All heavy atoms as atom14 arrays in JSON, in Angstrom:
{
  "sequence": "TQPQWNSRHTAAENPAIPLVSTKLVAQMPAISE",
  "atom14_mask": [
    [1, 1, 1, 1, 1, 1, 1, 0, 0, 0, 0, 0, 0, 0],
    [1, 1, 1, 1, 1, 1, 1, 1, 1, 0, 0, 0, 0, 0],
    [1, 1, 1, 1, 1, 1, 1, 0, 0, 0, 0, 0, 0, 0],
    [1, 1, 1, 1, 1, 1, 1, 1, 1, 0, 0, 0, 0, 0],
    [1, 1, 1, 1, 1, 1, 1, 1, 1, 1, 1, 1, 1, 1],
    [1, 1, 1, 1, 1, 1, 1, 1, 0, 0, 0, 0, 0, 0],
    [1, 1, 1, 1, 1, 1, 0, 0, 0, 0, 0, 0, 0, 0],
    [1, 1, 1, 1, 1, 1, 1, 1, 1, 1, 1, 0, 0, 0],
    [1, 1, 1, 1, 1, 1, 1, 1, 1, 1, 0, 0, 0, 0],
    [1, 1, 1, 1, 1, 1, 1, 0, 0, 0, 0, 0, 0, 0],
    [1, 1, 1, 1, 1, 0, 0, 0, 0, 0, 0, 0, 0, 0],
    [1, 1, 1, 1, 1, 0, 0, 0, 0, 0, 0, 0, 0, 0],
    [1, 1, 1, 1, 1, 1, 1, 1, 1, 0, 0, 0, 0, 0],
    [1, 1, 1, 1, 1, 1, 1, 1, 0, 0, 0, 0, 0, 0],
    [1, 1, 1, 1, 1, 1, 1, 0, 0, 0, 0, 0, 0, 0],
    [1, 1, 1, 1, 1, 0, 0, 0, 0, 0, 0, 0, 0, 0],
    [1, 1, 1, 1, 1, 1, 1, 1, 0, 0, 0, 0, 0, 0],
    [1, 1, 1, 1, 1, 1, 1, 0, 0, 0, 0, 0, 0, 0],
    [1, 1, 1, 1, 1, 1, 1, 1, 0, 0, 0, 0, 0, 0],
    [1, 1, 1, 1, 1, 1, 1, 0, 0, 0, 0, 0, 0, 0],
    [1, 1, 1, 1, 1, 1, 0, 0, 0, 0, 0, 0, 0, 0],
    [1, 1, 1, 1, 1, 1, 1, 0, 0, 0, 0, 0, 0, 0],
    [1, 1, 1, 1, 1, 1, 1, 1, 1, 0, 0, 0, 0, 0],
    [1, 1, 1, 1, 1, 1, 1, 1, 0, 0, 0, 0, 0, 0],
    [1, 1, 1, 1, 1, 1, 1, 0, 0, 0, 0, 0, 0, 0],
    [1, 1, 1, 1, 1, 0, 0, 0, 0, 0, 0, 0, 0, 0],
    [1, 1, 1, 1, 1, 1, 1, 1, 1, 0, 0, 0, 0, 0],
    [1, 1, 1, 1, 1, 1, 1, 1, 0, 0, 0, 0, 0, 0],
    [1, 1, 1, 1, 1, 1, 1, 0, 0, 0, 0, 0, 0, 0],
    [1, 1, 1, 1, 1, 0, 0, 0, 0, 0, 0, 0, 0, 0],
    [1, 1, 1, 1, 1, 1, 1, 1, 0, 0, 0, 0, 0, 0],
    [1, 1, 1, 1, 1, 1, 0, 0, 0, 0, 0, 0, 0, 0],
    [1, 1, 1, 1, 1, 1, 1, 1, 1, 0, 0, 0, 0, 0]
  ],
  "atom14_positions": [
    [[-26.29, -6.12, -4.36], [-27.5, -6.89, -4.05], [-27.67, -7.17, -2.57], [-28.78, -7.32, -2.09], [-27.51, -8.23, -4.82], [-26.33, -8.96, -4.48], [-27.58, -8.01, -6.32], [0.0, 0.0, 0.0], [0.0, 0.0, 0.0], [0.0, 0.0, 0.0], [0.0, 0.0, 0.0], [0.0, 0.0, 0.0], [0.0, 0.0, 0.0], [0.0, 0.0, 0.0]],
    [[-26.58, -7.26, -1.83], [-26.63, -7.52, -0.4], [-26.69, -6.19, 0.36], [-25.97, -5.26, 0.0], [-25.4, -8.32, 0.06], [-25.23, -9.65, -0.64], [-26.37, -10.6, -0.35], [-26.81, -10.73, 0.8], [-26.88, -11.26, -1.37], [0.0, 0.0, 0.0], [0.0, 0.0, 0.0], [0.0, 0.0, 0.0], [0.0, 0.0, 0.0], [0.0, 0.0, 0.0]],
    [[-27.51, -6.09, 1.4], [-27.62, -4.82, 2.13], [-26.27, -4.27, 2.62], [-26.03, -3.07, 2.53], [-28.52, -5.16, 3.32], [-29.32, -6.33, 2.86], [-28.42, -7.11, 1.94], [0.0, 0.0, 0.0], [0.0, 0.0, 0.0], [0.0, 0.0, 0.0], [0.0, 0.0, 0.0], [0.0, 0.0, 0.0], [0.0, 0.0, 0.0], [0.0, 0.0, 0.0]],
    [[-25.39, -5.14, 3.08], [-24.09, -4.67, 3.59], [-23.19, -4.13, 2.49], [-22.21, -3.45, 2.75], [-23.38, -5.77, 4.4], [-22.89, -6.94, 3.59], [-23.9, -8.06, 3.44], [-25.1, -7.86, 3.6], [-23.42, -9.26, 3.13], [0.0, 0.0, 0.0], [0.0, 0.0, 0.0], [0.0, 0.0, 0.0], [0.0, 0.0, 0.0], [0.0, 0.0, 0.0]],
    [[-23.52, -4.41, 1.24], [-22.71, -3.94, 0.12], [-23.04, -2.5, -0.28], [-22.47, -1.97, -1.22], [-22.89, -4.84, -1.1], [-22.34, -6.21, -0.94], [-21.56, -6.69, 0.08], [-22.52, -7.31, -1.83], [-21.26, -8.0, -0.13], [-21.84, -8.41, -1.3], [-23.21, -7.45, -3.03], [-21.81, -9.64, -1.92], [-23.18, -8.69, -3.64], [-22.49, -9.77, -3.1]],
    [[-23.95, -1.86, 0.42], [-24.4, -0.53, 0.04], [-23.8, 0.59, 0.88], [-24.31, 1.71, 0.88], [-25.93, -0.48, 0.06], [-26.5, -1.35, -1.04], [-26.28, -1.11, -2.21], [-27.21, -2.4, -0.66], [0.0, 0.0, 0.0], [0.0, 0.0, 0.0], [0.0, 0.0, 0.0], [0.0, 0.0, 0.0], [0.0, 0.0, 0.0], [0.0, 0.0, 0.0]],
    [[-22.71, 0.29, 1.54], [-21.97, 1.29, 2.31], [-20.5, 0.96, 2.23], [-20.12, -0.21, 2.34], [-22.42, 1.27, 3.78], [-21.49, 1.99, 4.58], [0.0, 0.0, 0.0], [0.0, 0.0, 0.0], [0.0, 0.0, 0.0], [0.0, 0.0, 0.0], [0.0, 0.0, 0.0], [0.0, 0.0, 0.0], [0.0, 0.0, 0.0], [0.0, 0.0, 0.0]],
    [[-19.68, 1.95, 2.08], [-18.24, 1.7, 2.03], [-17.72, 1.14, 3.35], [-16.7, 0.49, 3.41], [-17.46, 2.95, 1.63], [-17.27, 3.95, 2.75], [-16.29, 5.05, 2.32], [-16.1, 6.02, 3.36], [-15.06, 6.02, 4.19], [-14.12, 5.11, 4.09], [-14.94, 6.94, 5.12], [0.0, 0.0, 0.0], [0.0, 0.0, 0.0], [0.0, 0.0, 0.0]],
    [[-18.46, 1.39, 4.43], [-18.04, 0.95, 5.76], [-18.28, -0.54, 5.99], [-17.68, -1.13, 6.87], [-18.75, 1.78, 6.82], [-18.45, 3.24, 6.7], [-17.25, 3.81, 7.06], [-19.2, 4.26, 6.2], [-17.28, 5.1, 6.81], [-18.44, 5.41, 6.28], [0.0, 0.0, 0.0], [0.0, 0.0, 0.0], [0.0, 0.0, 0.0], [0.0, 0.0, 0.0]],
    [[-19.18, -1.14, 5.2], [-19.51, -2.56, 5.4], [-19.36, -3.4, 4.14], [-19.61, -4.61, 4.17], [-20.96, -2.69, 5.91], [-21.85, -2.06, 4.98], [-21.13, -2.06, 7.29], [0.0, 0.0, 0.0], [0.0, 0.0, 0.0], [0.0, 0.0, 0.0], [0.0, 0.0, 0.0], [0.0, 0.0, 0.0], [0.0, 0.0, 0.0], [0.0, 0.0, 0.0]],
    [[-18.97, -2.81, 3.04], [-18.97, -3.5, 1.74], [-17.72, -4.34, 1.49], [-17.7, -5.13, 0.56], [-19.13, -2.49, 0.6], [0.0, 0.0, 0.0], [0.0, 0.0, 0.0], [0.0, 0.0, 0.0], [0.0, 0.0, 0.0], [0.0, 0.0, 0.0], [0.0, 0.0, 0.0], [0.0, 0.0, 0.0], [0.0, 0.0, 0.0], [0.0, 0.0, 0.0]],
    [[-16.69, -4.17, 2.28], [-15.45, -4.9, 2.0], [-14.72, -5.22, 3.3], [-14.71, -4.41, 4.23], [-14.55, -4.07, 1.1], [0.0, 0.0, 0.0], [0.0, 0.0, 0.0], [0.0, 0.0, 0.0], [0.0, 0.0, 0.0], [0.0, 0.0, 0.0], [0.0, 0.0, 0.0], [0.0, 0.0, 0.0], [0.0, 0.0, 0.0], [0.0, 0.0, 0.0]],
    [[-14.12, -6.4, 3.3], [-13.31, -6.78, 4.45], [-12.07, -5.91, 4.55], [-11.59, -5.59, 5.63], [-12.91, -8.25, 4.31], [-12.16, -8.8, 5.48], [-11.82, -10.27, 5.31], [-12.57, -10.99, 4.63], [-10.8, -10.7, 5.86], [0.0, 0.0, 0.0], [0.0, 0.0, 0.0], [0.0, 0.0, 0.0], [0.0, 0.0, 0.0], [0.0, 0.0, 0.0]],
    [[-11.54, -5.51, 3.39], [-10.33, -4.69, 3.32], [-10.61, -3.42, 2.53], [-10.41, -3.4, 1.32], [-9.19, -5.47, 2.68], [-8.85, -6.72, 3.48], [-8.52, -6.63, 4.65], [-8.96, -7.87, 2.85], [0.0, 0.0, 0.0], [0.0, 0.0, 0.0], [0.0, 0.0, 0.0], [0.0, 0.0, 0.0], [0.0, 0.0, 0.0], [0.0, 0.0, 0.0]],
    [[-11.09, -2.36, 3.19], [-11.43, -1.13, 2.46], [-10.22, -0.32, 2.01], [-10.37, 0.62, 1.25], [-12.28, -0.35, 3.46], [-11.85, -0.85, 4.79], [-11.45, -2.28, 4.61], [0.0, 0.0, 0.0], [0.0, 0.0, 0.0], [0.0, 0.0, 0.0], [0.0, 0.0, 0.0], [0.0, 0.0, 0.0], [0.0, 0.0, 0.0], [0.0, 0.0, 0.0]],
    [[-9.04, -0.68, 2.48], [-7.8, -0.02, 2.03], [-6.81, -1.11, 1.65], [-6.38, -1.9, 2.49], [-7.23, 0.88, 3.11], [0.0, 0.0, 0.0], [0.0, 0.0, 0.0], [0.0, 0.0, 0.0], [0.0, 0.0, 0.0], [0.0, 0.0, 0.0], [0.0, 0.0, 0.0], [0.0, 0.0, 0.0], [0.0, 0.0, 0.0], [0.0, 0.0, 0.0]],
    [[-6.47, -1.16, 0.38], [-5.6, -2.21, -0.14], [-4.24, -1.59, -0.45], [-4.12, -0.76, -1.36], [-6.22, -2.84, -1.39], [-7.56, -3.47, -1.01], [-5.27, -3.85, -2.02], [-8.42, -3.84, -2.18], [0.0, 0.0, 0.0], [0.0, 0.0, 0.0], [0.0, 0.0, 0.0], [0.0, 0.0, 0.0], [0.0, 0.0, 0.0], [0.0, 0.0, 0.0]],
    [[-3.22, -1.98, 0.31], [-1.89, -1.41, 0.08], [-1.3, -1.94, -1.21], [-1.3, -3.14, -1.47], [-1.09, -1.88, 1.29], [-1.77, -3.13, 1.75], [-3.23, -2.96, 1.39], [0.0, 0.0, 0.0], [0.0, 0.0, 0.0], [0.0, 0.0, 0.0], [0.0, 0.0, 0.0], [0.0, 0.0, 0.0], [0.0, 0.0, 0.0], [0.0, 0.0, 0.0]],
    [[-0.81, -1.05, -2.02], [-0.15, -1.43, -3.27], [1.35, -1.45, -3.01], [2.13, -0.74, -3.63], [-0.53, -0.45, -4.39], [-2.03, -0.36, -4.67], [-2.32, 0.69, -5.73], [-2.59, -1.72, -5.08], [0.0, 0.0, 0.0], [0.0, 0.0, 0.0], [0.0, 0.0, 0.0], [0.0, 0.0, 0.0], [0.0, 0.0, 0.0], [0.0, 0.0, 0.0]],
    [[1.71, -2.29, -2.06], [3.09, -2.33, -1.57], [3.98, -3.24, -2.41], [5.17, -3.02, -2.5], [3.12, -2.73, -0.08], [2.66, -4.17, 0.13], [4.47, -2.5, 0.54], [0.0, 0.0, 0.0], [0.0, 0.0, 0.0], [0.0, 0.0, 0.0], [0.0, 0.0, 0.0], [0.0, 0.0, 0.0], [0.0, 0.0, 0.0], [0.0, 0.0, 0.0]],
    [[3.38, -4.25, -3.04], [4.17, -5.14, -3.88], [3.27, -5.93, -4.81], [2.09, -6.15, -4.51], [5.0, -6.12, -3.03], [4.16, -7.08, -2.43], [0.0, 0.0, 0.0], [0.0, 0.0, 0.0], [0.0, 0.0, 0.0], [0.0, 0.0, 0.0], [0.0, 0.0, 0.0], [0.0, 0.0, 0.0], [0.0, 0.0, 0.0], [0.0, 0.0, 0.0]],
    [[3.82, -6.37, -5.92], [3.04, -7.21, -6.84], [2.7, -8.54, -6.17], [1.65, -9.12, -6.45], [3.79, -7.45, -8.16], [5.07, -8.0, -7.87], [3.94, -6.17, -8.95], [0.0, 0.0, 0.0], [0.0, 0.0, 0.0], [0.0, 0.0, 0.0], [0.0, 0.0, 0.0], [0.0, 0.0, 0.0], [0.0, 0.0, 0.0], [0.0, 0.0, 0.0]],
    [[3.56, -9.01, -5.27], [3.31, -10.27, -4.56], [2.05, -10.15, -3.69], [1.19, -11.05, -3.7], [4.51, -10.64, -3.7], [4.38, -11.95, -2.98], [5.64, -12.25, -2.18], [5.48, -13.53, -1.4], [6.65, -13.81, -0.57], [0.0, 0.0, 0.0], [0.0, 0.0, 0.0], [0.0, 0.0, 0.0], [0.0, 0.0, 0.0], [0.0, 0.0, 0.0]],
    [[1.9, -9.06, -2.96], [0.72, -8.87, -2.12], [-0.54, -8.72, -2.98], [-1.56, -9.33, -2.7], [0.87, -7.65, -1.21], [-0.35, -7.34, -0.33], [-0.49, -8.39, 0.77], [-0.26, -5.97, 0.27], [0.0, 0.0, 0.0], [0.0, 0.0, 0.0], [0.0, 0.0, 0.0], [0.0, 0.0, 0.0], [0.0, 0.0, 0.0], [0.0, 0.0, 0.0]],
    [[-0.45, -7.93, -4.03], [-1.6, -7.73, -4.92], [-2.02, -9.04, -5.57], [-3.2, -9.32, -5.71], [-1.29, -6.64, -5.98], [-2.38, -6.55, -7.02], [-1.11, -5.28, -5.28], [0.0, 0.0, 0.0], [0.0, 0.0, 0.0], [0.0, 0.0, 0.0], [0.0, 0.0, 0.0], [0.0, 0.0, 0.0], [0.0, 0.0, 0.0], [0.0, 0.0, 0.0]],
    [[-1.05, -9.89, -5.9], [-1.35, -11.19, -6.52], [-2.15, -12.1, -5.59], [-2.86, -12.99, -6.06], [-0.07, -11.87, -6.95], [0.0, 0.0, 0.0], [0.0, 0.0, 0.0], [0.0, 0.0, 0.0], [0.0, 0.0, 0.0], [0.0, 0.0, 0.0], [0.0, 0.0, 0.0], [0.0, 0.0, 0.0], [0.0, 0.0, 0.0], [0.0, 0.0, 0.0]],
    [[-2.08, -11.87, -4.3], [-2.83, -12.67, -3.33], [-4.31, -12.27, -3.28], [-5.09, -12.93, -2.59], [-2.21, -12.53, -1.94], [-0.82, -13.11, -1.84], [-0.16, -12.79, -0.52], [-0.76, -12.27, 0.41], [1.13, -13.11, -0.43], [0.0, 0.0, 0.0], [0.0, 0.0, 0.0], [0.0, 0.0, 0.0], [0.0, 0.0, 0.0], [0.0, 0.0, 0.0]],
    [[-4.67, -11.22, -3.97], [-6.06, -10.75, -4.01], [-6.56, -10.87, -5.45], [-6.36, -9.95, -6.26], [-6.13, -9.31, -3.51], [-5.75, -9.18, -2.05], [-5.69, -7.48, -1.49], [-4.0, -7.09, -1.89], [0.0, 0.0, 0.0], [0.0, 0.0, 0.0], [0.0, 0.0, 0.0], [0.0, 0.0, 0.0], [0.0, 0.0, 0.0], [0.0, 0.0, 0.0]],
    [[-7.18, -11.98, -5.79], [-7.56, -12.24, -7.19], [-8.41, -11.14, -7.82], [-8.19, -10.8, -8.98], [-8.33, -13.55, -7.11], [-7.89, -14.2, -5.84], [-7.54, -13.08, -4.91], [0.0, 0.0, 0.0], [0.0, 0.0, 0.0], [0.0, 0.0, 0.0], [0.0, 0.0, 0.0], [0.0, 0.0, 0.0], [0.0, 0.0, 0.0], [0.0, 0.0, 0.0]],
    [[-9.35, -10.58, -7.1], [-10.21, -9.55, -7.69], [-9.4, -8.32, -8.06], [-9.57, -7.75, -9.15], [-11.34, -9.18, -6.74], [0.0, 0.0, 0.0], [0.0, 0.0, 0.0], [0.0, 0.0, 0.0], [0.0, 0.0, 0.0], [0.0, 0.0, 0.0], [0.0, 0.0, 0.0], [0.0, 0.0, 0.0], [0.0, 0.0, 0.0], [0.0, 0.0, 0.0]],
    [[-8.51, -7.9, -7.19], [-7.69, -6.72, -7.45], [-6.71, -7.01, -8.57], [-6.52, -6.19, -9.48], [-6.95, -6.27, -6.17], [-7.96, -5.93, -5.06], [-6.02, -5.1, -6.45], [-8.99, -4.88, -5.41], [0.0, 0.0, 0.0], [0.0, 0.0, 0.0], [0.0, 0.0, 0.0], [0.0, 0.0, 0.0], [0.0, 0.0, 0.0], [0.0, 0.0, 0.0]],
    [[-6.09, -8.17, -8.55], [-5.16, -8.56, -9.62], [-5.86, -8.55, -10.97], [-5.29, -8.11, -11.98], [-4.59, -9.95, -9.36], [-3.8, -9.94, -8.22], [0.0, 0.0, 0.0], [0.0, 0.0, 0.0], [0.0, 0.0, 0.0], [0.0, 0.0, 0.0], [0.0, 0.0, 0.0], [0.0, 0.0, 0.0], [0.0, 0.0, 0.0], [0.0, 0.0, 0.0]],
    [[-7.09, -9.03, -11.0], [-7.84, -9.09, -12.25], [-8.19, -7.69, -12.75], [-8.13, -7.42, -13.95], [-9.11, -9.93, -12.08], [-9.89, -10.15, -13.34], [-9.13, -10.92, -14.43], [-8.09, -11.54, -14.15], [-9.58, -10.86, -15.6], [0.0, 0.0, 0.0], [0.0, 0.0, 0.0], [0.0, 0.0, 0.0], [0.0, 0.0, 0.0], [0.0, 0.0, 0.0]]
  ]
}
């Protein structure tokens, strides 16, 4: 719905999420869910 959400370059603060540990992933509620 937001204009910035219509490009991968502007749609996320973190466009690459490292799956380095369950602890790090747990800190990102959307990804954990």
